[in-house]
C-alpha atoms as a PDB file:
ATOM      1  CA  MET A   1      48.557  58.362 134.002  1.00  0.00           C
ATOM      2  CA  GLU A   2      45.547  58.467 131.699  1.00  0.00           C
ATOM      3  CA  GLN A   3      43.485  56.558 134.283  1.00  0.00           C
ATOM      4  CA  ARG A   4      44.339  59.137 136.965  1.00  0.00           C
ATOM      5  CA  VAL A   5      43.244  61.954 134.665  1.00  0.00           C
ATOM      6  CA  ASN A   6      39.963  60.166 133.957  1.00  0.00           C
ATOM      7  CA  ASN A   7      39.364  59.571 137.667  1.00  0.00           C
ATOM      8  CA  GLY A   8      40.070  63.224 138.428  1.00  0.00           C
ATOM      9  CA  TYR A   9      37.679  64.304 135.671  1.00  0.00           C
ATOM     10  CA  LYS A  10      34.940  62.015 137.049  1.00  0.00           C
ATOM     11  CA  ILE A  11      35.395  63.374 140.569  1.00  0.00           C
ATOM     12  CA  LYS A  12      35.265  66.966 139.315  1.00  0.00           C
ATOM     13  CA  LYS A  13      32.177  66.248 137.230  1.00  0.00           C
ATOM     14  CA  SER A  14      30.476  64.560 140.187  1.00  0.00           C
ATOM     15  CA  PHE A  15      31.302  67.524 142.426  1.00  0.00           C
ATOM     16  CA  ILE A  16      29.833  70.021 139.936  1.00  0.00           C
ATOM     17  CA  ARG A  17      26.693  67.939 139.466  1.00  0.00           C
ATOM     18  CA  ASN A  18      26.111  67.427 143.216  1.00  0.00           C
ATOM     19  CA  TRP A  19      27.536  70.657 144.631  1.00  0.00           C
ATOM     20  CA  GLN A  20      24.385  71.235 146.748  1.00  0.00           C
ATOM     21  CA  LEU A  21      24.947  67.934 148.596  1.00  0.00           C
ATOM     22  CA  TYR A  22      28.583  68.801 149.258  1.00  0.00           C
ATOM     23  CA  LEU A  23      27.471  72.206 150.558  1.00  0.00           C
ATOM     24  CA  PHE A  24      25.166  70.508 153.075  1.00  0.00           C
ATOM     25  CA  LEU A  25      28.056  68.237 154.053  1.00  0.00           C
ATOM     26  CA  LEU A  26      30.430  71.153 154.677  1.00  0.00           C
ATOM     27  CA  PRO A  27      29.182  72.125 158.205  1.00  0.00           C
ATOM     28  CA  VAL A  28      29.510  68.520 159.424  1.00  0.00           C
ATOM     29  CA  VAL A  29      33.019  68.149 157.992  1.00  0.00           C
ATOM     30  CA  THR A  30      34.006  71.532 159.466  1.00  0.00           C
ATOM     31  CA  TYR A  31      32.669  70.498 162.885  1.00  0.00           C
ATOM     32  CA  PHE A  32      34.674  67.271 162.956  1.00  0.00           C
ATOM     33  CA  ILE A  33      37.847  68.991 161.746  1.00  0.00           C
ATOM     34  CA  ILE A  34      37.657  71.770 164.356  1.00  0.00           C
ATOM     35  CA  PHE A  35      36.421  69.815 167.382  1.00  0.00           C
ATOM     36  CA  HIS A  36      37.748  66.290 166.736  1.00  0.00           C
ATOM     37  CA  TYR A  37      40.822  66.312 164.493  1.00  0.00           C
ATOM     38  CA  ILE A  38      42.595  69.548 165.419  1.00  0.00           C
ATOM     39  CA  PRO A  39      42.425  68.763 169.181  1.00  0.00           C
ATOM     40  CA  MET A  40      44.263  65.489 168.470  1.00  0.00           C
ATOM     41  CA  TYR A  41      47.389  67.653 168.344  1.00  0.00           C
ATOM     42  CA  GLY A  42      47.151  67.908 172.143  1.00  0.00           C
ATOM     43  CA  VAL A  43      47.248  64.122 172.649  1.00  0.00           C
ATOM     44  CA  GLN A  44      51.037  64.339 172.758  1.00  0.00           C
ATOM     45  CA  ILE A  45      50.883  65.758 176.289  1.00  0.00           C
ATOM     46  CA  ALA A  46      50.136  62.181 177.397  1.00  0.00           C
ATOM     47  CA  PHE A  47      53.807  61.503 176.653  1.00  0.00           C
ATOM     48  CA  LYS A  48      55.080  64.758 178.138  1.00  0.00           C
ATOM     49  CA  ASP A  49      55.302  66.467 181.513  1.00  0.00           C
ATOM     50  CA  PHE A  50      53.105  69.409 180.591  1.00  0.00           C
ATOM     51  CA  PHE A  51      53.775  72.876 182.024  1.00  0.00           C
ATOM     52  CA  TYR A  52      51.706  75.988 181.283  1.00  0.00           C
ATOM     53  CA  ASN A  53      54.686  78.291 180.866  1.00  0.00           C
ATOM     54  CA  LEU A  54      56.447  75.919 178.454  1.00  0.00           C
ATOM     55  CA  GLY A  55      53.435  75.034 176.337  1.00  0.00           C
ATOM     56  CA  ILE A  56      52.830  71.746 174.552  1.00  0.00           C
ATOM     57  CA  MET A  57      55.908  71.898 172.322  1.00  0.00           C
ATOM     58  CA  GLY A  58      58.223  73.133 175.060  1.00  0.00           C
ATOM     59  CA  SER A  59      57.231  70.599 177.729  1.00  0.00           C
ATOM     60  CA  PRO A  60      59.733  67.748 178.208  1.00  0.00           C
ATOM     61  CA  TRP A  61      59.060  64.242 176.902  1.00  0.00           C
ATOM     62  CA  VAL A  62      58.632  61.543 179.537  1.00  0.00           C
ATOM     63  CA  GLY A  63      57.585  58.642 177.274  1.00  0.00           C
ATOM     64  CA  PHE A  64      55.258  56.117 178.887  1.00  0.00           C
ATOM     65  CA  GLU A  65      55.834  57.357 182.449  1.00  0.00           C
ATOM     66  CA  HIS A  66      52.203  58.426 182.969  1.00  0.00           C
ATOM     67  CA  PHE A  67      50.882  55.146 181.575  1.00  0.00           C
ATOM     68  CA  GLU A  68      53.153  53.145 183.889  1.00  0.00           C
ATOM     69  CA  ARG A  69      52.077  55.269 186.832  1.00  0.00           C
ATOM     70  CA  PHE A  70      48.422  54.521 186.085  1.00  0.00           C
ATOM     71  CA  PHE A  71      48.950  50.788 185.481  1.00  0.00           C
ATOM     72  CA  ASN A  72      50.933  50.414 188.699  1.00  0.00           C
ATOM     73  CA  SER A  73      48.541  52.445 190.859  1.00  0.00           C
ATOM     74  CA  TYR A  74      46.422  50.732 193.510  1.00  0.00           C
ATOM     75  CA  TYR A  75      43.174  52.081 191.975  1.00  0.00           C
ATOM     76  CA  PHE A  76      43.832  50.843 188.410  1.00  0.00           C
ATOM     77  CA  TRP A  77      42.120  47.466 188.721  1.00  0.00           C
ATOM     78  CA  ARG A  78      39.096  48.861 190.548  1.00  0.00           C
ATOM     79  CA  LEU A  79      38.585  51.549 187.911  1.00  0.00           C
ATOM     80  CA  LEU A  80      39.006  49.070 185.063  1.00  0.00           C
ATOM     81  CA  LYS A  81      36.716  46.478 186.663  1.00  0.00           C
ATOM     82  CA  ASN A  82      33.938  48.962 187.420  1.00  0.00           C
ATOM     83  CA  THR A  83      34.112  50.457 183.922  1.00  0.00           C
ATOM     84  CA  ILE A  84      33.961  47.060 182.205  1.00  0.00           C
ATOM     85  CA  ILE A  85      31.176  45.688 184.431  1.00  0.00           C
ATOM     86  CA  LEU A  86      29.039  48.807 184.039  1.00  0.00           C
ATOM     87  CA  ASN A  87      29.399  48.789 180.246  1.00  0.00           C
ATOM     88  CA  ALA A  88      28.926  45.019 179.950  1.00  0.00           C
ATOM     89  CA  TYR A  89      25.765  45.265 182.064  1.00  0.00           C
ATOM     90  CA  GLY A  90      24.377  47.913 179.722  1.00  0.00           C
ATOM     91  CA  LEU A  91      25.395  45.884 176.674  1.00  0.00           C
ATOM     92  CA  LEU A  92      23.426  42.890 177.956  1.00  0.00           C
ATOM     93  CA  LEU A  93      20.282  45.028 177.659  1.00  0.00           C
ATOM     94  CA  PHE A  94      21.030  45.916 174.028  1.00  0.00           C
ATOM     95  CA  PRO A  95      18.157  43.680 172.730  1.00  0.00           C
ATOM     96  CA  LEU A  96      15.474  45.551 174.720  1.00  0.00           C
ATOM     97  CA  PRO A  97      14.810  48.282 172.099  1.00  0.00           C
ATOM     98  CA  ILE A  98      14.707  45.585 169.399  1.00  0.00           C
ATOM     99  CA  ILE A  99      12.128  43.544 171.297  1.00  0.00           C
ATOM    100  CA  PHE A 100      10.066  46.641 172.088  1.00  0.00           C
ATOM    101  CA  ALA A 101      10.168  47.805 168.450  1.00  0.00           C
ATOM    102  CA  LEU A 102       9.059  44.384 167.222  1.00  0.00           C
ATOM    103  CA  ALA A 103       6.206  44.432 169.733  1.00  0.00           C
ATOM    104  CA  LEU A 104       5.085  47.956 168.779  1.00  0.00           C
ATOM    105  CA  ASN A 105       5.245  47.052 165.112  1.00  0.00           C
ATOM    106  CA  GLU A 106       2.667  44.316 165.694  1.00  0.00           C
ATOM    107  CA  LEU A 107       0.140  46.633 167.326  1.00  0.00           C
ATOM    108  CA  ARG A 108      -2.945  47.248 165.229  1.00  0.00           C
ATOM    109  CA  ASN A 109      -4.395  50.014 167.417  1.00  0.00           C
ATOM    110  CA  GLY A 110      -2.844  53.129 165.859  1.00  0.00           C
ATOM    111  CA  SER A 111      -3.656  55.551 168.688  1.00  0.00           C
ATOM    112  CA  PHE A 112      -2.298  53.234 171.381  1.00  0.00           C
ATOM    113  CA  LYS A 113       0.829  52.667 169.290  1.00  0.00           C
ATOM    114  CA  LYS A 114       1.467  56.419 168.966  1.00  0.00           C
ATOM    115  CA  TRP A 115       0.775  56.945 172.674  1.00  0.00           C
ATOM    116  CA  SER A 116       3.251  54.183 173.584  1.00  0.00           C
ATOM    117  CA  GLN A 117       5.935  55.643 171.298  1.00  0.00           C
ATOM    118  CA  THR A 118       5.490  59.130 172.766  1.00  0.00           C
ATOM    119  CA  LEU A 119       5.559  57.833 176.337  1.00  0.00           C
ATOM    120  CA  THR A 120       8.798  55.909 175.819  1.00  0.00           C
ATOM    121  CA  TYR A 121      10.503  58.554 173.664  1.00  0.00           C
ATOM    122  CA  ALA A 122       9.790  61.500 176.008  1.00  0.00           C
ATOM    123  CA  PRO A 123      12.498  60.587 178.608  1.00  0.00           C
ATOM    124  CA  HIS A 124      15.132  61.008 175.865  1.00  0.00           C
ATOM    125  CA  PHE A 125      14.678  64.791 176.178  1.00  0.00           C
ATOM    126  CA  ILE A 126      15.162  64.858 179.961  1.00  0.00           C
ATOM    127  CA  SER A 127      18.594  66.091 181.021  1.00  0.00           C
ATOM    128  CA  VAL A 128      20.923  63.911 183.062  1.00  0.00           C
ATOM    129  CA  VAL A 129      20.714  66.302 186.010  1.00  0.00           C
ATOM    130  CA  VAL A 130      16.921  66.034 186.086  1.00  0.00           C
ATOM    131  CA  VAL A 131      17.042  62.230 185.805  1.00  0.00           C
ATOM    132  CA  VAL A 132      19.423  61.975 188.761  1.00  0.00           C
ATOM    133  CA  GLY A 133      17.243  64.429 190.692  1.00  0.00           C
ATOM    134  CA  MET A 134      14.252  62.165 190.046  1.00  0.00           C
ATOM    135  CA  LEU A 135      16.232  59.148 191.246  1.00  0.00           C
ATOM    136  CA  VAL A 136      17.202  60.967 194.435  1.00  0.00           C
ATOM    137  CA  ALA A 137      13.586  61.959 195.059  1.00  0.00           C
ATOM    138  CA  PHE A 138      12.107  58.531 194.319  1.00  0.00           C
ATOM    139  CA  LEU A 139      14.757  56.502 196.165  1.00  0.00           C
ATOM    140  CA  ASP A 140      15.221  58.654 199.251  1.00  0.00           C
ATOM    141  CA  PRO A 141      15.141  56.321 202.309  1.00  0.00           C
ATOM    142  CA  ASN A 142      12.836  58.666 204.238  1.00  0.00           C
ATOM    143  CA  THR A 143      10.603  60.446 201.727  1.00  0.00           C
ATOM    144  CA  GLY A 144      11.038  58.450 198.508  1.00  0.00           C
ATOM    145  CA  ILE A 145       7.991  56.801 196.968  1.00  0.00           C
ATOM    146  CA  VAL A 146       9.850  53.495 196.512  1.00  0.00           C
ATOM    147  CA  ASN A 147      10.642  53.195 200.219  1.00  0.00           C
ATOM    148  CA  HIS A 148       7.093  54.248 201.112  1.00  0.00           C
ATOM    149  CA  ALA A 149       5.908  51.293 199.022  1.00  0.00           C
ATOM    150  CA  LEU A 150       8.391  48.991 200.784  1.00  0.00           C
ATOM    151  CA  ARG A 151       7.121  50.133 204.188  1.00  0.00           C
ATOM    152  CA  ALA A 152       3.541  49.524 203.073  1.00  0.00           C
ATOM    153  CA  LEU A 153       4.552  45.965 202.234  1.00  0.00           C
ATOM    154  CA  GLY A 154       6.077  45.517 205.699  1.00  0.00           C
ATOM    155  CA  MET A 155       9.693  45.751 204.500  1.00  0.00           C
ATOM    156  CA  GLU A 156      12.551  47.856 205.801  1.00  0.00           C
ATOM    157  CA  PRO A 157      13.528  50.967 203.784  1.00  0.00           C
ATOM    158  CA  VAL A 158      16.634  50.671 201.622  1.00  0.00           C
ATOM    159  CA  SER A 159      19.220  53.398 201.097  1.00  0.00           C
ATOM    160  CA  PHE A 160      19.608  52.682 197.379  1.00  0.00           C
ATOM    161  CA  LEU A 161      21.903  55.540 196.382  1.00  0.00           C
ATOM    162  CA  THR A 162      24.431  54.911 199.140  1.00  0.00           C
ATOM    163  CA  SER A 163      24.598  51.132 198.661  1.00  0.00           C
ATOM    164  CA  PRO A 164      27.407  49.924 196.359  1.00  0.00           C
ATOM    165  CA  GLU A 165      25.446  46.801 195.385  1.00  0.00           C
ATOM    166  CA  TRP A 166      22.556  48.899 194.063  1.00  0.00           C
ATOM    167  CA  PHE A 167      24.529  51.507 192.103  1.00  0.00           C
ATOM    168  CA  ARG A 168      25.013  49.503 188.891  1.00  0.00           C
ATOM    169  CA  HIS A 169      21.380  48.396 188.723  1.00  0.00           C
ATOM    170  CA  ILE A 170      20.078  51.925 189.226  1.00  0.00           C
ATOM    171  CA  TYR A 171      22.513  53.440 186.736  1.00  0.00           C
ATOM    172  CA  VAL A 172      21.915  50.919 183.928  1.00  0.00           C
ATOM    173  CA  TRP A 173      18.143  50.551 184.235  1.00  0.00           C
ATOM    174  CA  SER A 174      17.535  54.294 184.526  1.00  0.00           C
ATOM    175  CA  GLY A 175      19.663  54.687 181.397  1.00  0.00           C
ATOM    176  CA  GLN A 176      17.544  52.107 179.614  1.00  0.00           C
ATOM    177  CA  TRP A 177      14.390  53.938 180.655  1.00  0.00           C
ATOM    178  CA  GLN A 178      15.793  57.145 179.188  1.00  0.00           C
ATOM    179  CA  SER A 179      17.116  55.698 175.905  1.00  0.00           C
ATOM    180  CA  LEU A 180      14.607  52.934 175.124  1.00  0.00           C
ATOM    181  CA  GLY A 181      12.337  55.139 173.009  1.00  0.00           C
ATOM    182  CA  TRP A 182      15.185  56.502 170.872  1.00  0.00           C
ATOM    183  CA  GLY A 183      16.479  53.044 170.030  1.00  0.00           C
ATOM    184  CA  THR A 184      12.959  51.841 169.334  1.00  0.00           C
ATOM    185  CA  ILE A 185      12.348  54.587 166.775  1.00  0.00           C
ATOM    186  CA  ILE A 186      15.471  53.569 164.851  1.00  0.00           C
ATOM    187  CA  TYR A 187      14.329  49.947 164.644  1.00  0.00           C
ATOM    188  CA  LEU A 188      10.753  50.938 163.793  1.00  0.00           C
ATOM    189  CA  ALA A 189      12.109  52.959 160.870  1.00  0.00           C
ATOM    190  CA  ALA A 190      14.001  49.868 159.716  1.00  0.00           C
ATOM    191  CA  LEU A 191      10.862  47.734 160.103  1.00  0.00           C
ATOM    192  CA  ALA A 192       8.983  50.163 157.860  1.00  0.00           C
ATOM    193  CA  GLY A 193      11.101  48.834 155.008  1.00  0.00           C
ATOM    194  CA  VAL A 194       9.772  45.275 155.348  1.00  0.00           C
ATOM    195  CA  ASN A 195       7.949  44.229 152.188  1.00  0.00           C
ATOM    196  CA  PRO A 196       4.269  43.550 153.094  1.00  0.00           C
ATOM    197  CA  GLU A 197       4.115  40.943 150.331  1.00  0.00           C
ATOM    198  CA  LEU A 198       6.492  38.764 152.337  1.00  0.00           C
ATOM    199  CA  HIS A 199       4.024  38.680 155.230  1.00  0.00           C
ATOM    200  CA  GLU A 200       1.122  37.976 152.896  1.00  0.00           C
ATOM    201  CA  ALA A 201       2.976  35.061 151.344  1.00  0.00           C
ATOM    202  CA  ALA A 202       3.917  33.752 154.794  1.00  0.00           C
ATOM    203  CA  LYS A 203       0.273  33.935 155.919  1.00  0.00           C
ATOM    204  CA  VAL A 204      -0.781  31.914 152.891  1.00  0.00           C
ATOM    205  CA  ASP A 205       1.803  29.290 153.832  1.00  0.00           C
ATOM    206  CA  GLY A 206       0.330  29.120 157.345  1.00  0.00           C
ATOM    207  CA  ALA A 207       3.093  30.955 159.230  1.00  0.00           C
ATOM    208  CA  THR A 208       2.159  32.248 162.668  1.00  0.00           C
ATOM    209  CA  ARG A 209       2.811  35.819 163.768  1.00  0.00           C
ATOM    210  CA  PHE A 210       5.839  34.752 165.815  1.00  0.00           C
ATOM    211  CA  GLN A 211       7.260  32.838 162.839  1.00  0.00           C
ATOM    212  CA  ARG A 212       6.826  35.877 160.608  1.00  0.00           C
ATOM    213  CA  ILE A 213       8.630  38.055 163.144  1.00  0.00           C
ATOM    214  CA  LEU A 214      11.426  35.508 163.434  1.00  0.00           C
ATOM    215  CA  HIS A 215      11.926  34.823 159.727  1.00  0.00           C
ATOM    216  CA  ILE A 216      10.918  38.122 158.080  1.00  0.00           C
ATOM    217  CA  ASN A 217      11.162  41.108 160.437  1.00  0.00           C
ATOM    218  CA  ILE A 218      14.342  40.201 162.281  1.00  0.00           C
ATOM    219  CA  PRO A 219      16.388  39.293 159.147  1.00  0.00           C
ATOM    220  CA  THR A 220      15.230  42.572 157.544  1.00  0.00           C
ATOM    221  CA  ILE A 221      16.460  44.761 160.400  1.00  0.00           C
ATOM    222  CA  MET A 222      19.562  42.660 161.089  1.00  0.00           C
ATOM    223  CA  PRO A 223      21.915  45.072 159.224  1.00  0.00           C
ATOM    224  CA  THR A 224      20.655  47.916 161.435  1.00  0.00           C
ATOM    225  CA  ILE A 225      21.101  45.777 164.547  1.00  0.00           C
ATOM    226  CA  ILE A 226      24.667  44.902 163.593  1.00  0.00           C
ATOM    227  CA  ILE A 227      25.643  48.500 162.804  1.00  0.00           C
ATOM    228  CA  LEU A 228      24.234  49.806 166.099  1.00  0.00           C
ATOM    229  CA  PHE A 229      25.880  46.972 168.016  1.00  0.00           C
ATOM    230  CA  ILE A 230      29.261  47.804 166.464  1.00  0.00           C
ATOM    231  CA  LEU A 231      28.796  51.479 167.368  1.00  0.00           C
ATOM    232  CA  ASN A 232      27.941  50.504 170.953  1.00  0.00           C
ATOM    233  CA  ILE A 233      31.074  48.363 171.140  1.00  0.00           C
ATOM    234  CA  GLY A 234      33.090  51.303 169.805  1.00  0.00           C
ATOM    235  CA  ASN A 235      32.000  53.293 172.879  1.00  0.00           C
ATOM    236  CA  PHE A 236      32.351  50.363 175.267  1.00  0.00           C
ATOM    237  CA  MET A 237      34.816  52.068 177.606  1.00  0.00           C
ATOM    238  CA  GLN A 238      33.196  55.501 177.416  1.00  0.00           C
ATOM    239  CA  ILE A 239      30.423  55.996 179.930  1.00  0.00           C
ATOM    240  CA  GLY A 240      28.738  59.345 180.282  1.00  0.00           C
ATOM    241  CA  PHE A 241      30.618  60.388 183.396  1.00  0.00           C
ATOM    242  CA  GLU A 242      28.150  63.193 184.235  1.00  0.00           C
ATOM    243  CA  LYS A 243      25.500  60.774 185.461  1.00  0.00           C
ATOM    244  CA  VAL A 244      28.009  58.637 187.359  1.00  0.00           C
ATOM    245  CA  LEU A 245      29.509  61.759 188.928  1.00  0.00           C
ATOM    246  CA  LEU A 246      26.086  63.023 190.030  1.00  0.00           C
ATOM    247  CA  MET A 247      25.144  59.642 191.502  1.00  0.00           C
ATOM    248  CA  GLN A 248      28.531  59.038 193.117  1.00  0.00           C
ATOM    249  CA  ASN A 249      29.252  59.469 196.821  1.00  0.00           C
ATOM    250  CA  ASN A 250      31.780  58.164 199.319  1.00  0.00           C
ATOM    251  CA  LEU A 251      29.556  55.252 200.311  1.00  0.00           C
ATOM    252  CA  ASN A 252      29.027  53.808 196.815  1.00  0.00           C
ATOM    253  CA  ALA A 253      32.511  54.624 195.468  1.00  0.00           C
ATOM    254  CA  GLU A 254      33.426  50.935 195.574  1.00  0.00           C
ATOM    255  CA  THR A 255      31.308  50.302 192.474  1.00  0.00           C
ATOM    256  CA  SER A 256      30.880  53.833 191.058  1.00  0.00           C
ATOM    257  CA  ASP A 257      34.546  54.714 190.542  1.00  0.00           C
ATOM    258  CA  ILE A 258      35.172  54.485 186.782  1.00  0.00           C
ATOM    259  CA  ILE A 259      37.948  55.625 184.461  1.00  0.00           C
ATOM    260  CA  GLN A 260      36.147  58.711 183.146  1.00  0.00           C
ATOM    261  CA  THR A 261      35.328  60.126 186.572  1.00  0.00           C
ATOM    262  CA  PHE A 262      38.950  59.559 187.540  1.00  0.00           C
ATOM    263  CA  VAL A 263      40.098  61.432 184.407  1.00  0.00           C
ATOM    264  CA  TYR A 264      37.787  64.307 185.363  1.00  0.00           C
ATOM    265  CA  GLU A 265      39.091  64.445 188.924  1.00  0.00           C
ATOM    266  CA  THR A 266      42.789  64.191 188.052  1.00  0.00           C
ATOM    267  CA  GLY A 267      42.640  66.380 184.961  1.00  0.00           C
ATOM    268  CA  LEU A 268      40.243  69.199 185.776  1.00  0.00           C
ATOM    269  CA  LEU A 269      40.154  69.229 189.570  1.00  0.00           C
ATOM    270  CA  GLU A 270      43.789  68.394 190.326  1.00  0.00           C
ATOM    271  CA  GLY A 271      45.355  69.865 187.168  1.00  0.00           C
ATOM    272  CA  GLN A 272      47.339  66.723 186.260  1.00  0.00           C
ATOM    273  CA  TYR A 273      46.721  67.195 182.546  1.00  0.00           C
ATOM    274  CA  SER A 274      49.400  64.867 181.211  1.00  0.00           C
ATOM    275  CA  PHE A 275      48.380  62.055 183.552  1.00  0.00           C
ATOM    276  CA  ALA A 276      44.691  62.496 182.682  1.00  0.00           C
ATOM    277  CA  ALA A 277      45.493  62.616 178.952  1.00  0.00           C
ATOM    278  CA  ALA A 278      47.407  59.340 179.232  1.00  0.00           C
ATOM    279  CA  ILE A 279      44.475  57.634 180.958  1.00  0.00           C
ATOM    280  CA  GLY A 280      42.020  58.976 178.374  1.00  0.00           C
ATOM    281  CA  LEU A 281      44.270  57.803 175.537  1.00  0.00           C
ATOM    282  CA  PHE A 282      44.489  54.331 177.075  1.00  0.00           C
ATOM    283  CA  GLU A 283      40.694  54.201 177.238  1.00  0.00           C
ATOM    284  CA  SER A 284      40.353  55.359 173.617  1.00  0.00           C
ATOM    285  CA  MET A 285      42.839  52.762 172.376  1.00  0.00           C
ATOM    286  CA  ILE A 286      40.768  49.971 173.940  1.00  0.00           C
ATOM    287  CA  ASN A 287      37.686  51.330 172.158  1.00  0.00           C
ATOM    288  CA  ILE A 288      39.516  51.433 168.824  1.00  0.00           C
ATOM    289  CA  VAL A 289      40.739  47.848 169.195  1.00  0.00           C
ATOM    290  CA  LEU A 290      37.251  46.626 170.147  1.00  0.00           C
ATOM    291  CA  LEU A 291      35.653  48.550 167.272  1.00  0.00           C
ATOM    292  CA  ILE A 292      38.025  47.155 164.641  1.00  0.00           C
ATOM    293  CA  THR A 293      37.797  43.607 166.027  1.00  0.00           C
ATOM    294  CA  VAL A 294      34.002  43.489 166.217  1.00  0.00           C
ATOM    295  CA  ASN A 295      33.691  45.139 162.800  1.00  0.00           C
ATOM    296  CA  GLN A 296      35.944  42.491 161.237  1.00  0.00           C
ATOM    297  CA  ILE A 297      34.002  39.683 162.915  1.00  0.00           C
ATOM    298  CA  ALA A 298      30.673  41.154 161.754  1.00  0.00           C
ATOM    299  CA  ARG A 299      31.931  41.506 158.187  1.00  0.00           C
ATOM    300  CA  LYS A 300      33.032  37.883 158.050  1.00  0.00           C
ATOM    301  CA  VAL A 301      29.972  36.437 159.764  1.00  0.00           C
ATOM    302  CA  SER A 302      27.145  38.537 158.336  1.00  0.00           C
ATOM    303  CA  GLU A 303      28.703  40.635 155.539  1.00  0.00           C
ATOM    304  CA  ASN A 304      27.364  43.755 157.322  1.00  0.00           C
ATOM    305  CA  SER A 305      29.853  46.179 158.826  1.00  0.00           C
ATOM    306  CA  LEU A 306      30.778  49.844 159.167  1.00  0.00           C
ATOM    307  CA  TRP A 307      33.507  49.537 156.566  1.00  0.00           C
END
């Protein structure tokens, strides 16, 4: 009992001493409560047959009927396969910002380094709609600059955006182009914490630049790498459906149909809210399992984890 009183006194004292920090934290906490925790009340419609006139509480329970309907549907495996392949493809390119940050960090020309950072970071501010518009303009089989180049080389034009085999490559690599600069800045900030004395000592011992990168820079930023990798795994099943939806058409649907676009179509366009909620909940549960699993593995292997 006495220990609880002491703990409560310490918490109260800490709150009074750092009340400004808690005040800054308040808007973030309020945001998550209003837009992330309160809406979780509506998840129960995944287990109900939702009707407008009855409301969430008045709608009848149907258990796992919507989940079974989705698992037994003919499009389930195609949606799951496309979602996993698209995310796995993007995850394979996870090291690119790390490599680029390590390369930029070694540049000695300050102006060229700043120019390179600005050039790669600028696409981060371009909206998805504009990016897809650029892809349509550049890859158009008749007027696109890419197909003009192919014709100049004596090759036949390619209809990239209507070819299922090209969809994944275009989606993932255009995403990398847009996000490379943002990821690079995070790793460059981590590299700024490398102790210069370590490099000086390594130079005295005769270490090459590559050896110093391998044995000093990479181990220093490894905690940041692990944390970002875990966060990426936590969103493994969640692809920004806006870009997929804008790039999708009837001809490339074989590889562009993913779970999130299906949730959008069934939930918002067709009004099957309970069915769409069940699919979204299934997707979120996979993300939670992956997040917890990878976090546990990272904690055991490297002693770096989210919690």
